[in-house]
Amino acid sequence: MSQVQQAMALLIAAFHKYSGKEGDKLTLSKGELKDLLNAELGELLGKTADQAKVDKIFKDLDANQDGSVDFQEYVTLVACLTMVCNDFFTKK
């Protein structure tokens, strides 16, 4: 498998590791999103116990306002963070 294919598989696996613990296995609830952010992106974003921050991130991600974060909305977050990291490292 190429590195890009491995990255894709890891993104899929990370999403499904947290989705469905509190209901629909194809979406993330606020609690599942918080767990994912802390465990998978905590070093980048900082671990948060601040529910207001989690609520804001959740609201921003939930583009269709259905009360959950689906895979497309999750990938949007990862893509945006990846672009910010790329900008940071290419400017140094």
Protein backbone atom coordinates (compact mmCIF):
# COMPACT_ATOMS: atom_id res chain seq x y z
CA MET A 1 0.00 0.00 0.00
CA SER A 2 1.27 3.49 -0.80
CA GLN A 3 1.75 6.09 1.94
CA VAL A 4 -1.37 7.96 0.80
CA GLN A 5 -3.42 4.76 0.87
CA GLN A 6 -2.07 4.02 4.37
CA ALA A 7 -3.02 7.53 5.47
CA MET A 8 -6.53 7.06 4.09
CA ALA A 9 -6.90 3.73 5.89
CA LEU A 10 -5.71 5.31 9.14
CA LEU A 11 -8.20 8.20 8.82
CA ILE A 12 -11.03 5.74 8.27
CA ALA A 13 -9.93 3.53 11.17
CA ALA A 14 -9.59 6.50 13.54
CA PHE A 15 -13.11 7.71 12.72
CA HIS A 16 -14.67 4.28 13.26
CA LYS A 17 -12.71 3.72 16.46
CA TYR A 18 -14.84 6.47 18.07
CA SER A 19 -18.07 6.50 16.03
CA GLY A 20 -20.98 4.43 17.23
CA LYS A 21 -20.03 4.25 20.89
CA GLU A 22 -23.07 6.39 21.72
CA GLY A 23 -25.42 5.45 18.88
CA ASP A 24 -25.08 5.67 15.11
CA LYS A 25 -21.90 3.90 14.03
CA LEU A 26 -21.55 6.19 11.00
CA THR A 27 -21.43 9.47 12.95
CA LEU A 28 -19.71 11.08 15.92
CA SER A 29 -21.67 12.50 18.83
CA LYS A 30 -20.22 15.40 20.84
CA GLY A 31 -18.78 12.97 23.38
CA GLU A 32 -17.27 10.76 20.69
CA LEU A 33 -15.80 13.80 18.94
CA LYS A 34 -14.28 15.01 22.22
CA ASP A 35 -12.71 11.59 22.78
CA LEU A 36 -11.32 11.55 19.24
CA LEU A 37 -9.93 15.10 19.51
CA ASN A 38 -8.22 14.38 22.81
CA ALA A 39 -6.82 10.97 21.90
CA GLU A 40 -5.94 11.47 18.25
CA LEU A 41 -5.27 15.22 17.97
CA GLY A 42 -4.49 16.19 21.56
CA GLU A 43 -0.82 16.85 20.88
CA LEU A 44 -1.73 19.19 18.03
CA LEU A 45 -4.82 20.89 19.47
CA GLY A 46 -4.18 20.44 23.18
CA LYS A 47 -6.34 18.22 25.31
CA THR A 48 -9.51 19.96 26.38
CA ALA A 49 -11.88 19.52 29.25
CA ASP A 50 -13.57 22.79 28.21
CA GLN A 51 -17.03 21.75 26.99
CA ALA A 52 -17.60 25.17 25.40
CA LYS A 53 -14.63 24.59 23.08
CA VAL A 54 -15.89 21.14 22.14
CA ASP A 55 -19.37 22.56 21.53
CA LYS A 56 -17.92 25.26 19.21
CA ILE A 57 -15.83 22.76 17.23
CA PHE A 58 -18.83 20.42 16.99
CA LYS A 59 -21.13 23.20 15.79
CA ASP A 60 -18.58 24.35 13.21
CA LEU A 61 -18.07 20.80 11.91
CA ASP A 62 -21.76 19.87 11.78
CA ALA A 63 -22.27 21.55 8.39
CA ASN A 64 -25.70 20.00 7.78
CA GLN A 65 -26.77 20.73 11.38
CA ASP A 66 -28.09 17.23 12.00
CA GLY A 67 -26.62 17.02 15.51
CA SER A 68 -23.77 14.70 14.60
CA VAL A 69 -20.46 14.75 12.73
CA ASP A 70 -20.39 12.40 9.76
CA PHE A 71 -17.32 11.10 7.96
CA GLN A 72 -17.28 13.94 5.40
CA GLU A 73 -17.43 16.56 8.15
CA TYR A 74 -14.62 14.76 10.03
CA VAL A 75 -12.44 14.61 6.91
CA THR A 76 -12.99 18.34 6.43
CA LEU A 77 -11.54 18.93 9.91
CA VAL A 78 -8.53 16.71 9.21
CA ALA A 79 -7.95 18.35 5.81
CA CYS A 80 -8.09 21.86 7.28
CA LEU A 81 -5.68 20.94 10.08
CA THR A 82 -3.36 19.32 7.55
CA MET A 83 -3.35 22.51 5.45
CA VAL A 84 -2.57 24.65 8.51
CA CYS A 85 0.30 22.34 9.46
CA ASN A 86 1.64 22.41 5.90
CA ASP A 87 1.55 26.22 5.87
CA PHE A 88 3.32 26.35 9.23
CA PHE A 89 6.12 23.98 8.23
CA THR A 90 6.67 25.42 4.74
CA LYS A 91 7.02 28.95 6.12
CA LYS A 92 9.75 27.97 8.59
